[in-house]
C-alpha atoms as a PDB file:
ATOM      1  CA  MET A   1      17.251  43.303 -80.666  1.00  0.00           C
ATOM      2  CA  LYS A   2      18.191  45.808 -77.961  1.00  0.00           C
ATOM      3  CA  LYS A   3      14.594  46.881 -77.682  1.00  0.00           C
ATOM      4  CA  LEU A   4      13.437  43.281 -77.306  1.00  0.00           C
ATOM      5  CA  VAL A   5      15.975  42.550 -74.574  1.00  0.00           C
ATOM      6  CA  SER A   6      15.112  45.724 -72.692  1.00  0.00           C
ATOM      7  CA  THR A   7      11.385  44.955 -72.954  1.00  0.00           C
ATOM      8  CA  VAL A   8      11.893  41.422 -71.671  1.00  0.00           C
ATOM      9  CA  LEU A   9      14.044  42.664 -68.794  1.00  0.00           C
ATOM     10  CA  PHE A  10      11.489  45.333 -67.910  1.00  0.00           C
ATOM     11  CA  CYS A  11       8.690  42.746 -67.856  1.00  0.00           C
ATOM     12  CA  LEU A  12      10.805  40.384 -65.803  1.00  0.00           C
ATOM     13  CA  PHE A  13      11.661  42.990 -63.180  1.00  0.00           C
ATOM     14  CA  SER A  14       8.148  44.371 -62.992  1.00  0.00           C
ATOM     15  CA  ALA A  15       6.679  40.884 -62.556  1.00  0.00           C
ATOM     16  CA  ALA A  16       9.221  40.022 -59.874  1.00  0.00           C
ATOM     17  CA  SER A  17       8.695  43.288 -58.048  1.00  0.00           C
ATOM     18  CA  THR A  18       7.186  43.169 -54.584  1.00  0.00           C
ATOM     19  CA  CYS A  19       4.561  45.715 -55.552  1.00  0.00           C
ATOM     20  CA  TRP A  20       2.797  42.995 -57.551  1.00  0.00           C
ATOM     21  CA  ALA A  21       2.827  40.492 -54.723  1.00  0.00           C
ATOM     22  CA  GLN A  22      -0.235  40.076 -52.605  1.00  0.00           C
ATOM     23  CA  THR A  23       0.062  40.846 -48.955  1.00  0.00           C
ATOM     24  CA  GLY A  24      -0.164  37.849 -46.681  1.00  0.00           C
ATOM     25  CA  THR A  25      -3.132  37.423 -44.438  1.00  0.00           C
ATOM     26  CA  GLU A  26      -2.479  37.731 -40.762  1.00  0.00           C
ATOM     27  CA  LYS A  27      -2.990  34.646 -38.661  1.00  0.00           C
ATOM     28  CA  PRO A  28      -5.653  34.964 -35.996  1.00  0.00           C
ATOM     29  CA  SER A  29      -4.383  35.263 -32.483  1.00  0.00           C
ATOM     30  CA  ALA A  30      -4.251  32.163 -30.311  1.00  0.00           C
ATOM     31  CA  GLY A  31      -6.942  33.522 -28.007  1.00  0.00           C
ATOM     32  CA  THR A  32      -9.570  34.117 -30.671  1.00  0.00           C
ATOM     33  CA  ASN A  33     -13.245  33.927 -29.789  1.00  0.00           C
ATOM     34  CA  ASP A  34     -14.311  32.646 -33.197  1.00  0.00           C
ATOM     35  CA  GLN A  35     -15.637  29.111 -32.732  1.00  0.00           C
ATOM     36  CA  ILE A  36     -14.843  28.029 -36.278  1.00  0.00           C
ATOM     37  CA  VAL A  37     -11.222  29.144 -35.937  1.00  0.00           C
ATOM     38  CA  GLN A  38     -10.938  27.337 -32.605  1.00  0.00           C
ATOM     39  CA  MET A  39     -12.436  24.197 -34.140  1.00  0.00           C
ATOM     40  CA  HIS A  40      -9.924  24.272 -37.005  1.00  0.00           C
ATOM     41  CA  GLN A  41      -7.059  24.796 -34.560  1.00  0.00           C
ATOM     42  CA  GLN A  42      -8.203  21.797 -32.507  1.00  0.00           C
ATOM     43  CA  ILE A  43      -8.519  19.675 -35.641  1.00  0.00           C
ATOM     44  CA  SER A  44      -5.020  20.700 -36.730  1.00  0.00           C
ATOM     45  CA  ALA A  45      -3.626  19.831 -33.297  1.00  0.00           C
ATOM     46  CA  ALA A  46      -5.349  16.431 -33.402  1.00  0.00           C
ATOM     47  CA  ASN A  47      -3.961  15.767 -36.887  1.00  0.00           C
ATOM     48  CA  ARG A  48      -0.430  16.699 -35.777  1.00  0.00           C
ATOM     49  CA  THR A  49      -0.691  14.340 -32.783  1.00  0.00           C
ATOM     50  CA  TYR A  50      -2.001  11.553 -35.009  1.00  0.00           C
ATOM     51  CA  ASP A  51       0.759  12.076 -37.573  1.00  0.00           C
ATOM     52  CA  ALA A  52       3.401  11.968 -34.828  1.00  0.00           C
ATOM     53  CA  LYS A  53       2.017   8.692 -33.449  1.00  0.00           C
ATOM     54  CA  VAL A  54       1.813   7.140 -36.916  1.00  0.00           C
ATOM     55  CA  ALA A  55       5.396   8.188 -37.637  1.00  0.00           C
ATOM     56  CA  ALA A  56       6.574   6.624 -34.363  1.00  0.00           C
ATOM     57  CA  ALA A  57       4.718   3.387 -35.109  1.00  0.00           C
ATOM     58  CA  LYS A  58       6.148   3.350 -38.623  1.00  0.00           C
ATOM     59  CA  ARG A  59       9.684   3.687 -37.247  1.00  0.00           C
ATOM     60  CA  VAL A  60       9.114   0.747 -34.879  1.00  0.00           C
ATOM     61  CA  TYR A  61       7.627  -1.301 -37.718  1.00  0.00           C
ATOM     62  CA  LEU A  62      10.551  -0.577 -40.022  1.00  0.00           C
ATOM     63  CA  ARG A  63      13.061  -1.415 -37.286  1.00  0.00           C
ATOM     64  CA  GLN A  64      11.363  -4.767 -36.556  1.00  0.00           C
ATOM     65  CA  LYS A  65      11.020  -5.497 -40.257  1.00  0.00           C
ATOM     66  CA  ALA A  66      14.754  -4.888 -40.744  1.00  0.00           C
ATOM     67  CA  ALA A  67      15.600  -7.211 -37.831  1.00  0.00           C
ATOM     68  CA  ALA A  68      13.357  -9.947 -39.234  1.00  0.00           C
ATOM     69  CA  GLY A  69      14.952  -9.489 -42.647  1.00  0.00           C
ATOM     70  CA  LYS A  70      18.417  -9.923 -41.154  1.00  0.00           C
ATOM     71  CA  GLU A  71      17.323 -13.145 -39.439  1.00  0.00           C
ATOM     72  CA  ARG A  72      15.818 -14.411 -42.683  1.00  0.00           C
ATOM     73  CA  ASP A  73      18.936 -13.539 -44.657  1.00  0.00           C
ATOM     74  CA  ALA A  74      21.131 -15.306 -42.098  1.00  0.00           C
ATOM     75  CA  SER A  75      18.925 -18.422 -42.258  1.00  0.00           C
ATOM     76  CA  ILE A  76      18.988 -18.408 -46.054  1.00  0.00           C
ATOM     77  CA  ALA A  77      22.762 -17.996 -46.095  1.00  0.00           C
ATOM     78  CA  ALA A  78      23.150 -20.854 -43.618  1.00  0.00           C
ATOM     79  CA  ALA A  79      20.842 -23.077 -45.675  1.00  0.00           C
ATOM     80  CA  ARG A  80      22.799 -22.358 -48.832  1.00  0.00           C
ATOM     81  CA  ASP A  81      26.059 -23.188 -47.076  1.00  0.00           C
ATOM     82  CA  GLY A  82      24.615 -26.495 -45.843  1.00  0.00           C
ATOM     83  CA  VAL A  83      24.835 -25.533 -42.180  1.00  0.00           C
ATOM     84  CA  PRO A  84      21.729 -26.471 -40.187  1.00  0.00           C
ATOM     85  CA  SER A  85      20.170 -23.420 -38.580  1.00  0.00           C
ATOM     86  CA  SER A  86      19.602 -23.259 -34.834  1.00  0.00           C
ATOM     87  CA  GLY A  87      15.817 -22.959 -35.337  1.00  0.00           C
ATOM     88  CA  THR A  88      15.457 -26.417 -36.962  1.00  0.00           C
ATOM     89  CA  GLN A  89      17.428 -28.395 -34.385  1.00  0.00           C
END
């Protein structure tokens, strides 16, 4: 049993050791002359801009949707209470 535990611990530590990890690749510098790298950087920048604009539009949409839902809920509550709403007068 001791041998099994020590073997498992040895395997665990050797697998978790940094000597087994691959070294990370270095990112190319911002001023690279490679056209493909520049193209990918421009595409990434365009995608980030697009995602930011979509997120902003989504926030506006959700805010307006919540306001419309509140109006609807108020109208439904008024109709259930028998009070005529201001929109039907």
